[in-house]
Amino acid sequence: MRDISTAGPDGTRLVLDLALTLRHDGSGGVADDLLVPESLTAWVRDHAAALPLEEGFTGDAENLRQVREVRAAVRALFARAVRPGEPSPADARRLLPVADALARLNTAAARVPTVPVLHWPEGADAPALRETNTADAVEADLLTAALARAALAFLAGADRQRLRACHAPRCVRYFLKEHPRQEWCKPSCGNRARVARHHERHNSLTHKAT
């Protein structure tokens, strides 16, 4: 039996990082970090601490297909979560219908049967309740279920209310708003947005003057 819990900060980071495998390519387009099985292998190994997989995971075409399907569902529900704000422009024109996204995540999360197991290590002040799989599931199902459950926990939790899409020039990221005045995912995006606004105002005044 393996612990497949994905709630809490690790799960939040996991689902955000999955969504961010679609990113700006630096040239005005969108890059996909999960195009081939080798890319998935590298991504999963980078996130091994948050996933219930054995060491040395190697992705294949089926793993890749399943994870990309979960990602598409996650991004469709992220787009809903940021309303009335605009979604990320990376895939705004080709989002899954919300009902399909919900069904896809719920189905993926159910691939691995689980039971609650109480852990109370010696020296710990309080026990922890974790979900543990009840059968020897294949790694593909463990991976897909863990990603889907991280998404479900995030979308049903308080952090969802802080989710925003960054609309700075050349950015397509989703991020968690850390303070009331935060508009951008990182300072560099804020700098680009301010520069773009300055140029827009300058061009507008120049156009009026002529």
C-alpha atoms as a PDB file:
ATOM      1  CA  MET A   1       0.000   0.000   0.000  1.00  0.00           C
ATOM      2  CA  ARG A   2       1.303   3.440  -0.948  1.00  0.00           C
ATOM      3  CA  ASP A   3       0.317   6.835   0.391  1.00  0.00           C
ATOM      4  CA  ILE A   4      -1.228   8.892  -2.417  1.00  0.00           C
ATOM      5  CA  SER A   5      -2.218  11.964  -0.393  1.00  0.00           C
ATOM      6  CA  THR A   6      -1.876  15.187  -2.366  1.00  0.00           C
ATOM      7  CA  ALA A   7      -3.616  17.725  -0.146  1.00  0.00           C
ATOM      8  CA  GLY A   8      -1.847  20.721   1.346  1.00  0.00           C
ATOM      9  CA  PRO A   9       0.978  22.926   0.004  1.00  0.00           C
ATOM     10  CA  ASP A  10       2.687  20.090  -1.898  1.00  0.00           C
ATOM     11  CA  GLY A  11      -0.532  19.263  -3.738  1.00  0.00           C
ATOM     12  CA  THR A  12      -1.184  22.916  -4.532  1.00  0.00           C
ATOM     13  CA  ARG A  13       2.305  23.337  -5.935  1.00  0.00           C
ATOM     14  CA  LEU A  14       1.945  20.115  -7.908  1.00  0.00           C
ATOM     15  CA  VAL A  15      -1.270  21.145  -9.666  1.00  0.00           C
ATOM     16  CA  LEU A  16       0.002  24.674 -10.354  1.00  0.00           C
ATOM     17  CA  ASP A  17       3.209  23.287 -11.823  1.00  0.00           C
ATOM     18  CA  LEU A  18       1.202  20.918 -14.014  1.00  0.00           C
ATOM     19  CA  ALA A  19      -0.820  23.841 -15.380  1.00  0.00           C
ATOM     20  CA  LEU A  20       2.390  25.799 -15.967  1.00  0.00           C
ATOM     21  CA  THR A  21       3.806  23.189 -18.320  1.00  0.00           C
ATOM     22  CA  LEU A  22       2.074  25.389 -20.913  1.00  0.00           C
ATOM     23  CA  ARG A  23       4.133  28.583 -20.962  1.00  0.00           C
ATOM     24  CA  HIS A  24       5.240  31.475 -23.119  1.00  0.00           C
ATOM     25  CA  ASP A  25       7.981  30.440 -25.527  1.00  0.00           C
ATOM     26  CA  GLY A  26       9.742  33.813 -25.500  1.00  0.00           C
ATOM     27  CA  SER A  27       8.850  34.539 -29.115  1.00  0.00           C
ATOM     28  CA  GLY A  28       5.182  35.425 -28.915  1.00  0.00           C
ATOM     29  CA  GLY A  29       3.861  31.873 -28.849  1.00  0.00           C
ATOM     30  CA  VAL A  30       3.173  29.093 -26.365  1.00  0.00           C
ATOM     31  CA  ALA A  31       5.550  26.263 -25.485  1.00  0.00           C
ATOM     32  CA  ASP A  32       4.426  22.871 -24.183  1.00  0.00           C
ATOM     33  CA  ASP A  33       6.786  21.172 -21.724  1.00  0.00           C
ATOM     34  CA  LEU A  34       4.906  17.865 -22.052  1.00  0.00           C
ATOM     35  CA  LEU A  35       5.220  17.058 -25.736  1.00  0.00           C
ATOM     36  CA  VAL A  36       7.051  13.733 -25.559  1.00  0.00           C
ATOM     37  CA  PRO A  37       7.362  10.917 -22.983  1.00  0.00           C
ATOM     38  CA  GLU A  38      10.904  12.009 -22.145  1.00  0.00           C
ATOM     39  CA  SER A  39       9.559  15.418 -21.114  1.00  0.00           C
ATOM     40  CA  LEU A  40       7.010  13.772 -18.840  1.00  0.00           C
ATOM     41  CA  THR A  41       9.710  11.584 -17.310  1.00  0.00           C
ATOM     42  CA  ALA A  42      11.803  14.637 -16.446  1.00  0.00           C
ATOM     43  CA  TRP A  43       8.811  16.525 -15.029  1.00  0.00           C
ATOM     44  CA  VAL A  44       7.666  13.623 -12.864  1.00  0.00           C
ATOM     45  CA  ARG A  45      11.155  13.037 -11.508  1.00  0.00           C
ATOM     46  CA  ASP A  46      11.424  16.742 -10.653  1.00  0.00           C
ATOM     47  CA  HIS A  47       8.192  16.375  -8.631  1.00  0.00           C
ATOM     48  CA  ALA A  48       8.932  12.937  -7.189  1.00  0.00           C
ATOM     49  CA  ALA A  49       8.577  14.110  -3.583  1.00  0.00           C
ATOM     50  CA  ALA A  50       4.889  14.938  -4.158  1.00  0.00           C
ATOM     51  CA  LEU A  51       4.009  11.803  -6.143  1.00  0.00           C
ATOM     52  CA  PRO A  52       3.393   8.200  -5.005  1.00  0.00           C
ATOM     53  CA  LEU A  53       5.710   6.613  -7.567  1.00  0.00           C
ATOM     54  CA  GLU A  54       8.693   4.354  -7.288  1.00  0.00           C
ATOM     55  CA  GLU A  55      12.116   5.831  -7.936  1.00  0.00           C
ATOM     56  CA  GLY A  56      13.158   5.782 -11.577  1.00  0.00           C
ATOM     57  CA  PHE A  57       9.767   6.440 -13.165  1.00  0.00           C
ATOM     58  CA  THR A  58       9.927   6.418 -16.972  1.00  0.00           C
ATOM     59  CA  GLY A  59       6.991   7.777 -18.932  1.00  0.00           C
ATOM     60  CA  ASP A  60       5.553   6.330 -22.108  1.00  0.00           C
ATOM     61  CA  ALA A  61       3.051   7.512 -24.705  1.00  0.00           C
ATOM     62  CA  GLU A  62       0.050   6.347 -22.653  1.00  0.00           C
ATOM     63  CA  ASN A  63       1.273   8.085 -19.495  1.00  0.00           C
ATOM     64  CA  LEU A  64       1.752  11.235 -21.522  1.00  0.00           C
ATOM     65  CA  ARG A  65      -1.729  11.072 -23.025  1.00  0.00           C
ATOM     66  CA  GLN A  66      -3.351  10.625 -19.611  1.00  0.00           C
ATOM     67  CA  VAL A  67      -1.410  13.432 -17.954  1.00  0.00           C
ATOM     68  CA  ARG A  68      -2.120  15.816 -20.813  1.00  0.00           C
ATOM     69  CA  GLU A  69      -5.823  15.013 -20.465  1.00  0.00           C
ATOM     70  CA  VAL A  70      -5.703  15.811 -16.760  1.00  0.00           C
ATOM     71  CA  ARG A  71      -3.840  19.041 -17.515  1.00  0.00           C
ATOM     72  CA  ALA A  72      -6.479  20.109 -20.033  1.00  0.00           C
ATOM     73  CA  ALA A  73      -9.177  19.534 -17.409  1.00  0.00           C
ATOM     74  CA  VAL A  74      -7.204  21.442 -14.785  1.00  0.00           C
ATOM     75  CA  ARG A  75      -6.710  24.437 -17.044  1.00  0.00           C
ATOM     76  CA  ALA A  76     -10.393  24.499 -18.019  1.00  0.00           C
ATOM     77  CA  LEU A  77     -11.357  24.608 -14.350  1.00  0.00           C
ATOM     78  CA  PHE A  78      -8.670  27.196 -13.595  1.00  0.00           C
ATOM     79  CA  ALA A  79     -10.298  29.345 -16.275  1.00  0.00           C
ATOM     80  CA  ARG A  80     -13.606  28.993 -14.463  1.00  0.00           C
ATOM     81  CA  ALA A  81     -11.999  29.683 -11.078  1.00  0.00           C
ATOM     82  CA  VAL A  82     -10.581  33.071 -12.130  1.00  0.00           C
ATOM     83  CA  ARG A  83     -13.943  34.425 -13.373  1.00  0.00           C
ATOM     84  CA  PRO A  84     -14.907  37.204 -13.857  1.00  0.00           C
ATOM     85  CA  GLY A  85     -11.253  37.700 -14.767  1.00  0.00           C
ATOM     86  CA  GLU A  86      -9.974  36.493 -18.115  1.00  0.00           C
ATOM     87  CA  PRO A  87      -8.308  33.052 -18.346  1.00  0.00           C
ATOM     88  CA  SER A  88      -4.747  32.517 -19.463  1.00  0.00           C
ATOM     89  CA  PRO A  89      -4.428  33.331 -23.172  1.00  0.00           C
ATOM     90  CA  ALA A  90      -2.397  30.145 -23.678  1.00  0.00           C
ATOM     91  CA  ASP A  91      -5.507  28.062 -24.350  1.00  0.00           C
ATOM     92  CA  ALA A  92      -8.466  30.404 -23.829  1.00  0.00           C
ATOM     93  CA  ARG A  93      -9.908  29.571 -27.261  1.00  0.00           C
ATOM     94  CA  ARG A  94      -9.811  25.794 -26.860  1.00  0.00           C
ATOM     95  CA  LEU A  95     -10.831  25.052 -23.291  1.00  0.00           C
ATOM     96  CA  LEU A  96     -12.792  21.926 -22.422  1.00  0.00           C
ATOM     97  CA  PRO A  97     -16.422  22.488 -21.413  1.00  0.00           C
ATOM     98  CA  VAL A  98     -16.589  22.670 -17.622  1.00  0.00           C
ATOM     99  CA  ALA A  99     -18.802  19.557 -17.346  1.00  0.00           C
ATOM    100  CA  ASP A 100     -16.318  17.528 -19.394  1.00  0.00           C
ATOM    101  CA  ALA A 101     -13.393  18.813 -17.321  1.00  0.00           C
ATOM    102  CA  LEU A 102     -15.128  17.865 -14.074  1.00  0.00           C
ATOM    103  CA  ALA A 103     -15.986  14.389 -15.359  1.00  0.00           C
ATOM    104  CA  ARG A 104     -12.432  13.850 -16.568  1.00  0.00           C
ATOM    105  CA  LEU A 105     -10.867  14.788 -13.224  1.00  0.00           C
ATOM    106  CA  ASN A 106     -13.345  12.781 -11.175  1.00  0.00           C
ATOM    107  CA  THR A 107     -12.808   9.709 -13.367  1.00  0.00           C
ATOM    108  CA  ALA A 108      -9.027  10.019 -13.155  1.00  0.00           C
ATOM    109  CA  ALA A 109      -9.120  10.451  -9.377  1.00  0.00           C
ATOM    110  CA  ALA A 110     -11.184   7.249  -9.018  1.00  0.00           C
ATOM    111  CA  ARG A 111      -8.713   5.031 -10.863  1.00  0.00           C
ATOM    112  CA  VAL A 112      -6.983   4.004  -7.660  1.00  0.00           C
ATOM    113  CA  PRO A 113      -9.183   2.768  -4.758  1.00  0.00           C
ATOM    114  CA  THR A 114      -8.072   4.222  -1.435  1.00  0.00           C
ATOM    115  CA  VAL A 115      -8.735   3.949   2.285  1.00  0.00           C
ATOM    116  CA  PRO A 116      -7.964   6.449   5.058  1.00  0.00           C
ATOM    117  CA  VAL A 117      -4.991   5.328   7.163  1.00  0.00           C
ATOM    118  CA  LEU A 118      -4.001   6.995  10.428  1.00  0.00           C
ATOM    119  CA  HIS A 119      -0.277   7.683  10.963  1.00  0.00           C
ATOM    120  CA  TRP A 120       1.056   8.713  14.376  1.00  0.00           C
ATOM    121  CA  PRO A 121       4.852   8.492  14.486  1.00  0.00           C
ATOM    122  CA  GLU A 122       6.631   8.365  17.828  1.00  0.00           C
ATOM    123  CA  GLY A 123       7.321  11.918  18.974  1.00  0.00           C
ATOM    124  CA  ALA A 124       4.620  13.515  16.846  1.00  0.00           C
ATOM    125  CA  ASP A 125       2.108  15.671  18.738  1.00  0.00           C
ATOM    126  CA  ALA A 126      -0.855  14.627  16.602  1.00  0.00           C
ATOM    127  CA  PRO A 127      -1.714  11.896  14.129  1.00  0.00           C
ATOM    128  CA  ALA A 128      -2.103  12.479  10.401  1.00  0.00           C
ATOM    129  CA  LEU A 129      -4.800  10.973   8.214  1.00  0.00           C
ATOM    130  CA  ARG A 130      -3.628   9.927   4.759  1.00  0.00           C
ATOM    131  CA  GLU A 131      -5.198   8.258   1.760  1.00  0.00           C
ATOM    132  CA  THR A 132      -3.496   4.988   0.872  1.00  0.00           C
ATOM    133  CA  ASN A 133      -4.173   2.832  -2.156  1.00  0.00           C
ATOM    134  CA  THR A 134      -5.753  -0.515  -1.387  1.00  0.00           C
ATOM    135  CA  ALA A 135      -4.348  -2.482  -4.313  1.00  0.00           C
ATOM    136  CA  ASP A 136      -1.203  -2.764  -6.379  1.00  0.00           C
ATOM    137  CA  ALA A 137      -2.109  -0.123  -8.941  1.00  0.00           C
ATOM    138  CA  VAL A 138      -0.026   0.398 -12.047  1.00  0.00           C
ATOM    139  CA  GLU A 139       2.150   3.497 -12.057  1.00  0.00           C
ATOM    140  CA  ALA A 140       0.171   5.138 -14.855  1.00  0.00           C
ATOM    141  CA  ASP A 141      -2.978   5.025 -12.726  1.00  0.00           C
ATOM    142  CA  LEU A 142      -1.134   6.149  -9.601  1.00  0.00           C
ATOM    143  CA  LEU A 143       0.282   9.146 -11.447  1.00  0.00           C
ATOM    144  CA  THR A 144      -2.987  10.156 -13.055  1.00  0.00           C
ATOM    145  CA  ALA A 145      -4.988   9.690  -9.856  1.00  0.00           C
ATOM    146  CA  ALA A 146      -2.481  11.662  -7.791  1.00  0.00           C
ATOM    147  CA  LEU A 147      -2.524  14.596 -10.205  1.00  0.00           C
ATOM    148  CA  ALA A 148      -6.323  14.550 -10.417  1.00  0.00           C
ATOM    149  CA  ARG A 149      -6.704  14.411  -6.635  1.00  0.00           C
ATOM    150  CA  ALA A 150      -4.281  17.284  -6.194  1.00  0.00           C
ATOM    151  CA  ALA A 151      -6.440  19.278  -8.596  1.00  0.00           C
ATOM    152  CA  LEU A 152      -9.659  18.339  -6.793  1.00  0.00           C
ATOM    153  CA  ALA A 153      -8.202  19.262  -3.404  1.00  0.00           C
ATOM    154  CA  PHE A 154      -6.967  22.600  -4.713  1.00  0.00           C
ATOM    155  CA  LEU A 155     -10.196  23.505  -6.508  1.00  0.00           C
ATOM    156  CA  ALA A 156     -12.289  22.605  -3.458  1.00  0.00           C
ATOM    157  CA  GLY A 157      -9.965  24.449  -1.063  1.00  0.00           C
ATOM    158  CA  ALA A 158      -9.450  28.029   0.038  1.00  0.00           C
ATOM    159  CA  ASP A 159      -6.427  28.612  -2.215  1.00  0.00           C
ATOM    160  CA  ARG A 160      -8.700  28.524  -5.267  1.00  0.00           C
ATOM    161  CA  GLN A 161      -9.948  31.994  -4.321  1.00  0.00           C
ATOM    162  CA  ARG A 162      -6.419  33.366  -4.722  1.00  0.00           C
ATOM    163  CA  LEU A 163      -5.924  31.922  -8.205  1.00  0.00           C
ATOM    164  CA  ARG A 164      -5.311  34.480 -10.947  1.00  0.00           C
ATOM    165  CA  ALA A 165      -4.180  34.500 -14.583  1.00  0.00           C
ATOM    166  CA  CYS A 166      -1.238  36.789 -15.285  1.00  0.00           C
ATOM    167  CA  HIS A 167      -1.917  39.100 -18.213  1.00  0.00           C
ATOM    168  CA  ALA A 168       1.407  40.868 -18.403  1.00  0.00           C
ATOM    169  CA  PRO A 169       2.835  41.032 -21.940  1.00  0.00           C
ATOM    170  CA  ARG A 170       4.206  37.636 -23.024  1.00  0.00           C
ATOM    171  CA  CYS A 171       2.967  35.826 -19.905  1.00  0.00           C
ATOM    172  CA  VAL A 172       0.424  32.992 -19.860  1.00  0.00           C
ATOM    173  CA  ARG A 173       0.895  31.801 -16.277  1.00  0.00           C
ATOM    174  CA  TYR A 174      -1.598  31.136 -13.500  1.00  0.00           C
ATOM    175  CA  PHE A 175      -0.497  32.132  -9.998  1.00  0.00           C
ATOM    176  CA  LEU A 176      -1.708  32.480  -6.409  1.00  0.00           C
ATOM    177  CA  LYS A 177      -2.268  36.063  -5.296  1.00  0.00           C
ATOM    178  CA  GLU A 178      -0.162  36.638  -2.182  1.00  0.00           C
ATOM    179  CA  HIS A 179      -1.316  40.151  -1.215  1.00  0.00           C
ATOM    180  CA  PRO A 180      -4.271  42.429  -2.104  1.00  0.00           C
ATOM    181  CA  ARG A 181      -2.383  44.654  -4.552  1.00  0.00           C
ATOM    182  CA  GLN A 182      -0.661  41.871  -6.486  1.00  0.00           C
ATOM    183  CA  GLU A 183      -1.586  41.926 -10.178  1.00  0.00           C
ATOM    184  CA  TRP A 184       1.198  39.872 -11.737  1.00  0.00           C
ATOM    185  CA  CYS A 185       2.781  36.479 -11.155  1.00  0.00           C
ATOM    186  CA  LYS A 186       6.261  37.923 -10.553  1.00  0.00           C
ATOM    187  CA  PRO A 187       8.038  41.319 -10.458  1.00  0.00           C
ATOM    188  CA  SER A 188       9.430  41.003 -13.980  1.00  0.00           C
ATOM    189  CA  CYS A 189       5.882  40.699 -15.332  1.00  0.00           C
ATOM    190  CA  GLY A 190       4.881  43.806 -13.403  1.00  0.00           C
ATOM    191  CA  ASN A 191       7.817  45.691 -14.910  1.00  0.00           C
ATOM    192  CA  ARG A 192       6.854  44.648 -18.436  1.00  0.00           C
ATOM    193  CA  ALA A 193       3.231  45.632 -17.830  1.00  0.00           C
ATOM    194  CA  ARG A 194       4.216  49.085 -16.569  1.00  0.00           C
ATOM    195  CA  VAL A 195       6.532  49.638 -19.521  1.00  0.00           C
ATOM    196  CA  ALA A 196       3.771  48.558 -21.914  1.00  0.00           C
ATOM    197  CA  ARG A 197       1.301  50.949 -20.259  1.00  0.00           C
ATOM    198  CA  HIS A 198       3.822  53.782 -20.474  1.00  0.00           C
ATOM    199  CA  HIS A 199       4.385  53.184 -24.189  1.00  0.00           C
ATOM    200  CA  GLU A 200       0.651  52.934 -24.779  1.00  0.00           C
ATOM    201  CA  ARG A 201       0.016  56.275 -23.053  1.00  0.00           C
ATOM    202  CA  HIS A 202       2.938  57.891 -24.881  1.00  0.00           C
ATOM    203  CA  ASN A 203       1.714  56.621 -28.262  1.00  0.00           C
ATOM    204  CA  SER A 204      -1.806  57.802 -27.474  1.00  0.00           C
ATOM    205  CA  LEU A 205      -0.628  61.312 -26.599  1.00  0.00           C
ATOM    206  CA  THR A 206       1.592  61.412 -29.681  1.00  0.00           C
ATOM    207  CA  HIS A 207      -1.304  60.345 -31.887  1.00  0.00           C
ATOM    208  CA  LYS A 208      -3.561  63.063 -30.397  1.00  0.00           C
ATOM    209  CA  ALA A 209      -0.880  65.699 -30.903  1.00  0.00           C
ATOM    210  CA  THR A 210      -0.626  64.911 -34.589  1.00  0.00           C
END
